[in-house]
Protein backbone atom coordinates (compact mmCIF):
# COMPACT_ATOMS: atom_id res chain seq x y z
CA UNK A 1 -18.64 -4.34 4.17
CA UNK A 2 -18.81 -7.90 2.87
CA UNK A 3 -17.28 -10.76 4.83
CA UNK A 4 -13.68 -9.72 5.60
CA UNK A 5 -12.63 -13.34 5.11
CA UNK A 6 -13.57 -13.15 1.42
CA UNK A 7 -10.68 -14.19 -0.81
CA UNK A 8 -11.04 -11.52 -3.51
CA UNK A 9 -8.26 -9.03 -2.62
CA UNK A 10 -9.28 -6.48 -5.25
CA UNK A 11 -12.91 -6.35 -4.12
CA UNK A 12 -11.82 -6.18 -0.49
CA UNK A 13 -9.52 -3.22 -1.10
CA UNK A 14 -12.26 -1.34 -2.97
CA UNK A 15 -14.80 -1.96 -0.22
CA UNK A 16 -12.38 -0.91 2.51
CA UNK A 17 -11.70 2.32 0.61
CA UNK A 18 -15.42 3.17 1.03
CA UNK A 19 -15.80 5.24 -2.16
CA UNK A 20 -18.68 7.69 -2.43
CA UNK A 21 -19.62 9.86 -5.39
CA UNK A 22 -19.12 13.58 -4.91
CA UNK A 23 -19.30 15.43 -8.22
CA UNK A 24 -19.63 14.69 -11.92
CA UNK A 25 -20.01 16.89 -14.99
CA UNK A 26 -19.89 17.06 -18.77
CA UNK A 27 -16.89 18.78 -20.39
CA UNK A 28 -16.36 19.79 -24.00
CA UNK A 29 -13.70 21.73 -25.90
CA UNK A 30 -13.29 23.33 -29.32
CA UNK A 31 -10.50 25.16 -31.11
CA UNK A 32 -7.40 26.10 -29.10
CA UNK A 33 -7.82 25.46 -25.39
CA UNK A 34 -5.93 24.11 -22.40
CA UNK A 35 -6.62 23.85 -18.67
CA UNK A 36 -4.08 23.17 -15.94
CA UNK A 37 -5.49 21.60 -12.75
CA UNK A 38 -3.47 21.79 -9.55
CA UNK A 39 -3.00 18.66 -7.44
CA UNK A 40 -6.29 17.46 -6.00
CA UNK A 41 -5.49 14.26 -4.09
CA UNK A 42 -8.98 12.76 -4.48
CA UNK A 43 -9.77 10.09 -7.11
CA UNK A 44 -10.75 11.55 -10.49
CA UNK A 45 -12.12 9.90 -13.63
CA UNK A 46 -13.31 10.69 -17.14
CA UNK A 47 -14.67 8.93 -20.19
CA UNK A 48 -14.32 10.47 -23.66
CA UNK A 49 -17.63 10.21 -25.50
CA UNK A 50 -16.72 12.13 -28.68
CA UNK A 51 -13.55 13.38 -30.41
CA UNK A 52 -9.99 13.61 -29.05
CA UNK A 53 -7.92 15.64 -26.60
CA UNK A 54 -4.50 15.55 -24.95
CA UNK A 55 -3.88 14.65 -21.29
CA UNK A 56 -0.56 15.27 -19.53
CA UNK A 57 -0.50 14.01 -15.93
CA UNK A 58 2.52 15.07 -13.88
CA UNK A 59 4.96 12.18 -13.64
CA UNK A 60 3.36 10.24 -16.53
CA UNK A 61 3.84 10.23 -20.30
CA UNK A 62 1.31 12.48 -22.12
CA UNK A 63 -1.46 10.61 -23.95
CA UNK A 64 -4.03 11.47 -26.60
CA UNK A 65 -7.48 10.43 -25.40
CA UNK A 66 -9.96 9.20 -28.01
CA UNK A 67 -13.64 8.38 -28.08
CA UNK A 68 -14.26 5.40 -25.80
CA UNK A 69 -11.16 5.98 -23.63
CA UNK A 70 -11.41 5.89 -19.85
CA UNK A 71 -8.98 7.43 -17.36
CA UNK A 72 -8.84 6.92 -13.60
CA UNK A 73 -6.45 8.81 -11.28
CA UNK A 74 -6.74 7.21 -7.80
CA UNK A 75 -5.07 10.22 -6.12
CA UNK A 76 -5.33 12.94 -8.77
CA UNK A 77 -2.00 14.78 -9.14
CA UNK A 78 -1.61 18.00 -11.12
CA UNK A 79 -2.42 17.58 -14.81
CA UNK A 80 -3.02 19.51 -18.03
CA UNK A 81 -5.83 18.73 -20.47
CA UNK A 82 -5.98 20.44 -23.85
CA UNK A 83 -7.02 20.33 -27.47
CA UNK A 84 -4.55 18.97 -30.01
CA UNK A 85 -3.35 22.47 -30.98
CA UNK A 86 -1.02 24.30 -28.55
CA UNK A 87 -2.60 26.86 -26.21
CA UNK A 88 -1.68 28.69 -23.02
CA UNK A 89 -3.34 26.78 -20.17
CA UNK A 90 -5.92 28.32 -17.88
CA UNK A 91 -5.04 27.51 -14.24
CA UNK A 92 -7.80 25.86 -12.19
CA UNK A 93 -7.73 24.91 -8.50
CA UNK A 94 -10.16 21.99 -8.15
CA UNK A 95 -10.62 22.80 -4.46
CA UNK A 96 -11.95 26.26 -5.41
CA UNK A 97 -13.77 25.49 -8.68
CA UNK A 98 -17.51 26.24 -8.39
CA UNK A 99 -20.01 23.47 -8.99
CA UNK A 100 -22.06 23.70 -12.17
CA UNK A 101 -25.17 21.93 -13.41
CA UNK A 102 -24.49 22.25 -17.14
CA UNK A 103 -21.68 21.15 -19.42
CA UNK A 104 -18.41 23.05 -19.07
CA UNK A 105 -17.09 24.36 -22.41
CA UNK A 106 -13.44 25.27 -23.03
CA UNK A 107 -12.05 27.16 -26.02
CA UNK A 108 -14.38 28.30 -28.78
CA UNK A 109 -17.88 28.66 -27.33
CA UNK A 110 -19.91 28.33 -30.53
CA UNK A 111 -20.19 25.49 -33.01
CA UNK A 112 -19.72 21.76 -32.51
CA UNK A 113 -17.05 20.59 -30.01
CA UNK A 114 -13.82 18.83 -30.99
CA UNK A 115 -14.08 16.67 -27.88
CA UNK A 116 -16.77 15.80 -25.37
CA UNK A 117 -16.27 13.84 -22.18
CA UNK A 118 -17.96 13.07 -18.90
CA UNK A 119 -15.94 13.04 -15.72
CA UNK A 120 -15.74 13.93 -12.10
CA UNK A 121 -14.33 12.87 -8.78
CA UNK A 122 -15.30 10.99 -5.66
CA UNK A 123 -13.95 10.54 -2.16
CA UNK A 124 -12.54 7.62 -0.21
CA UNK A 125 -13.90 7.57 3.34
CA UNK A 126 -11.43 4.97 4.61
CA UNK A 127 -8.93 6.24 7.20
CA UNK A 128 -6.36 4.09 5.40
CA UNK A 129 -7.13 5.51 1.94
CA UNK A 130 -3.58 6.75 1.29
CA UNK A 131 -2.10 3.38 2.22
CA UNK A 132 -4.57 1.42 0.09
CA UNK A 133 -4.29 3.80 -2.86
CA UNK A 134 -0.50 3.30 -2.78
CA UNK A 135 -1.20 -0.30 -3.88
CA UNK A 136 -2.91 0.97 -7.07
CA UNK A 137 -1.42 2.48 -10.27
CA UNK A 138 -1.04 6.29 -10.28
CA UNK A 139 -2.80 6.56 -13.64
CA UNK A 140 -5.09 4.07 -15.35
CA UNK A 141 -5.78 4.63 -19.05
CA UNK A 142 -8.05 2.05 -20.69
CA UNK A 143 -9.07 1.91 -24.32
CA UNK A 144 -11.78 -0.18 -25.94
CA UNK A 145 -13.91 -1.11 -22.90
CA UNK A 146 -17.37 0.39 -23.64
CA UNK A 147 -18.72 -0.89 -20.31
CA UNK A 148 -16.61 1.71 -18.48
CA UNK A 149 -18.11 4.60 -20.44
CA UNK A 150 -21.58 3.19 -19.76
CA UNK A 151 -20.83 3.06 -16.02
CA UNK A 152 -19.59 6.66 -16.05
CA UNK A 153 -22.85 7.71 -17.75
CA UNK A 154 -24.84 5.85 -15.09
CA UNK A 155 -22.90 7.66 -12.35
CA UNK A 156 -23.70 10.99 -14.00
CA UNK A 157 -27.39 10.17 -14.47
CA UNK A 158 -27.78 9.02 -10.86
CA UNK A 159 -25.86 12.03 -9.52
CA UNK A 160 -28.32 14.33 -11.32
CA UNK A 161 -31.32 12.72 -9.61
CA UNK A 162 -32.77 13.58 -6.22
CA UNK A 163 -34.48 10.28 -5.45
CA UNK A 164 -34.54 8.14 -2.34
CA UNK A 165 -31.53 5.83 -2.14
CA UNK A 166 -29.44 8.05 -4.44
CA UNK A 167 -26.32 8.01 -2.23
CA UNK A 168 -26.42 4.23 -1.81
CA UNK A 169 -26.84 3.67 -5.56
CA UNK A 170 -23.98 6.07 -6.30
CA UNK A 171 -21.70 4.34 -3.80
CA UNK A 172 -22.37 0.95 -5.40
CA UNK A 173 -21.94 2.33 -8.94
CA UNK A 174 -18.58 3.85 -8.00
CA UNK A 175 -17.46 0.54 -6.44
CA UNK A 176 -18.38 -1.28 -9.66
CA UNK A 177 -16.68 1.39 -11.76
CA UNK A 178 -13.46 1.03 -9.74
CA UNK A 179 -13.42 -2.76 -9.88
CA UNK A 180 -14.18 -2.78 -13.61
CA UNK A 181 -11.42 -0.24 -14.28
CA UNK A 182 -8.81 -2.00 -12.17
CA UNK A 183 -9.43 -5.45 -13.56
CA UNK A 184 -9.23 -4.04 -17.10
CA UNK A 185 -5.59 -3.03 -16.56
CA UNK A 186 -3.21 -5.56 -18.18
CA UNK A 187 -1.11 -7.13 -15.42
CA UNK A 188 2.17 -6.51 -17.24
CA UNK A 189 1.28 -2.83 -17.65
CA UNK A 190 0.62 -2.23 -13.97
CA UNK A 191 3.17 -0.62 -11.69
CA UNK A 192 4.36 -2.61 -8.67
CA UNK A 193 1.36 -3.04 -6.40
CA UNK A 194 -1.71 -5.17 -5.85
CA UNK A 195 -2.72 -5.38 -9.54
CA UNK A 196 0.66 -6.69 -10.64
CA UNK A 197 0.70 -9.08 -7.71
CA UNK A 198 -2.70 -10.51 -8.67
CA UNK A 199 -1.54 -10.86 -12.28
CA UNK A 200 1.37 -13.06 -11.12
CA UNK A 201 -0.03 -16.57 -10.53
CA UNK A 202 2.57 -17.43 -7.87
CA UNK A 203 2.17 -14.19 -5.91
CA UNK A 204 -1.63 -14.26 -6.26
CA UNK A 205 -1.56 -17.75 -4.71
CA UNK A 206 -0.12 -16.13 -1.56
CA UNK A 207 -2.16 -12.91 -1.65
CA UNK A 208 -5.51 -14.67 -1.67
CA UNK A 209 -5.00 -16.67 1.56
CA UNK A 210 -3.43 -13.61 3.22
CA UNK A 211 -6.69 -11.78 2.53
CA UNK A 212 -8.95 -14.76 3.14
CA UNK A 213 -7.41 -15.85 6.45
CA UNK A 214 -5.95 -12.73 8.07
CA UNK A 215 -6.24 -14.32 11.54
CA UNK A 216 -3.74 -17.06 10.74
CA UNK A 217 -0.20 -16.64 12.11
CA UNK A 218 1.42 -16.37 8.70
CA UNK A 219 5.18 -16.56 8.19
CA UNK A 220 7.16 -15.92 5.02
CA UNK A 221 7.82 -19.67 4.87
CA UNK A 222 4.05 -20.41 4.99
CA UNK A 223 3.35 -17.89 2.23
CA UNK A 224 6.20 -19.25 0.11
CA UNK A 225 4.65 -22.72 0.39
CA UNK A 226 1.30 -21.32 -0.78
CA UNK A 227 3.13 -19.88 -3.79
CA UNK A 228 5.07 -23.10 -4.41
CA UNK A 229 8.42 -21.31 -4.13
CA UNK A 230 11.47 -21.27 -1.94
CA UNK A 231 11.42 -18.74 0.89
CA UNK A 232 14.10 -16.48 -0.59
CA UNK A 233 12.75 -16.62 -4.16
CA UNK A 234 9.23 -15.81 -2.91
CA UNK A 235 10.44 -12.93 -0.72
CA UNK A 236 12.32 -11.33 -3.62
CA UNK A 237 9.53 -11.85 -6.16
CA UNK A 238 6.79 -10.58 -3.83
CA UNK A 239 8.77 -7.48 -2.88
CA UNK A 240 9.59 -6.70 -6.51
CA UNK A 241 6.03 -7.33 -7.75
CA UNK A 242 3.92 -5.79 -4.99
CA UNK A 243 6.41 -3.10 -3.97
CA UNK A 244 6.55 -3.99 -0.26
CA UNK A 245 7.86 -6.96 1.73
CA UNK A 246 5.37 -9.81 2.38
CA UNK A 247 5.04 -9.26 6.14
CA UNK A 248 4.81 -5.49 5.64
CA UNK A 249 1.92 -6.03 3.23
CA UNK A 250 0.26 -8.42 5.67
CA UNK A 251 0.56 -5.87 8.49
CA UNK A 252 -0.91 -3.11 6.32
CA UNK A 253 -3.80 -5.34 5.32
CA UNK A 254 -4.50 -6.48 8.88
CA UNK A 255 -4.52 -2.91 10.15
CA UNK A 256 -6.84 -1.78 7.36
CA UNK A 257 -9.27 -4.59 8.27
CA UNK A 258 -8.90 -3.74 11.98
CA UNK A 259 -9.76 -0.09 11.35
CA UNK A 260 -12.84 -1.12 9.41
CA UNK A 261 -13.96 -3.42 12.24
CA UNK A 262 -13.32 -0.73 14.85
CA UNK A 263 -15.30 1.81 12.82
CA UNK A 264 -18.29 -0.52 12.63
CA UNK A 265 -18.44 -0.71 16.45
CA UNK A 266 -20.11 -3.39 18.55
CA UNK A 267 -17.11 -5.76 18.35
CA UNK A 268 -15.02 -6.43 21.46
CA UNK A 269 -11.34 -5.53 21.21
CA UNK A 270 -10.17 -9.11 21.79
CA UNK A 271 -12.44 -10.25 18.93
CA UNK A 272 -10.98 -7.61 16.60
CA UNK A 273 -7.52 -8.78 17.66
CA UNK A 274 -8.40 -12.40 16.90
CA UNK A 275 -9.81 -11.60 13.46
CA UNK A 276 -6.57 -9.93 12.37
CA UNK A 277 -4.14 -12.51 13.71
CA UNK A 278 -3.24 -11.34 17.24
CA UNK A 279 -3.34 -13.65 20.26
CA UNK A 280 -4.46 -11.00 22.73
CA UNK A 281 -6.03 -7.56 22.89
CA UNK A 282 -2.90 -6.12 24.52
CA UNK A 283 -0.59 -7.40 21.76
CA UNK A 284 -2.96 -6.03 19.13
CA UNK A 285 -3.26 -2.68 20.94
CA UNK A 286 0.52 -2.28 20.96
CA UNK A 287 0.81 -3.08 17.24
CA UNK A 288 -2.17 -0.88 16.32
CA UNK A 289 -0.87 2.08 18.35
CA UNK A 290 2.52 1.78 16.64
CA UNK A 291 0.88 1.66 13.20
CA UNK A 292 -1.90 4.25 13.63
CA UNK A 293 -0.35 6.54 16.20
CA UNK A 294 -3.31 6.21 18.59
CA UNK A 295 -4.73 3.31 20.67
CA UNK A 296 -7.59 1.32 19.09
CA UNK A 297 -10.12 2.55 21.67
CA UNK A 298 -9.45 6.18 20.86
CA UNK A 299 -9.49 5.43 17.14
CA UNK A 300 -12.91 3.77 17.51
CA UNK A 301 -14.34 6.80 19.34
CA UNK A 302 -12.83 9.27 16.86
CA UNK A 303 -14.03 7.29 13.82
CA UNK A 304 -17.50 6.94 15.34
CA UNK A 305 -17.77 10.68 15.92
CA UNK A 306 -16.61 11.39 12.35
CA UNK A 307 -19.16 8.95 10.89
CA UNK A 308 -21.93 10.49 12.97
CA UNK A 309 -21.00 13.99 11.79
CA UNK A 310 -20.96 12.82 8.16
CA UNK A 311 -24.38 11.16 8.52
CA UNK A 312 -25.98 14.17 10.28
CA UNK A 313 -28.31 16.16 7.96
CA UNK A 314 -27.03 19.62 7.06
């Protein structure tokens, strides 16, 4: 991870999520077709490279995707994708769907497709993924940003290779893809969360030092001064814009950073405590145990064992 005292909250959140590429594929459709995917929970993405189709994500308004459109679902809920003509959907469980090397074709199997897209999913390795994802929009639909489609193609090309360094390149490409997608979302279109907070100049003025100086003993009054607002006005605006109270957000961020430091190993507990704003290891241990449900020492051992198992060759 880059320096945790960096003041770019968006980049920090992406790096703490630890995204890694898992699967990508080409998809096309022709004629009458529809597929209904059950809830997946992992981040999913697609870029339409030709034609049009309809996407209906549970809890969101249906949209017609066109050539050049990009969609990111940070915690993919159930959704239906189809051609523009009505059709009975074929049910697919993404947890059970077999991997395939070629393009997947829906509907009419012969002739040119009505739509072609490239998509897939990846995983977040962070133990705080659910918490961090809650700060992001449920669905991100971006139109007219060719760079995103180019990045999706690069992910697909790299995923198809079997060269040295493939996993590292994929991890970096997915990080770039996420940052590019998130910063392309208009601030006024974002749901309450980190993106809307960063789009608000006053709230961003408080978010950046919270991220850049997590060890400081922040108070709501201090943060309000950073934002140039009264305490009560700042508290209300932050809560409405980000979706959580200022000190709740600060606690979540500190604990996410602490988990990342504990996972990395080699850092004394009192040093971890200092870096996330606690005066002693015992005070930090109490707060961490309350937040994570286990003491920091046990978390460090459990995370280390999980990382070792993931890194072990199959």
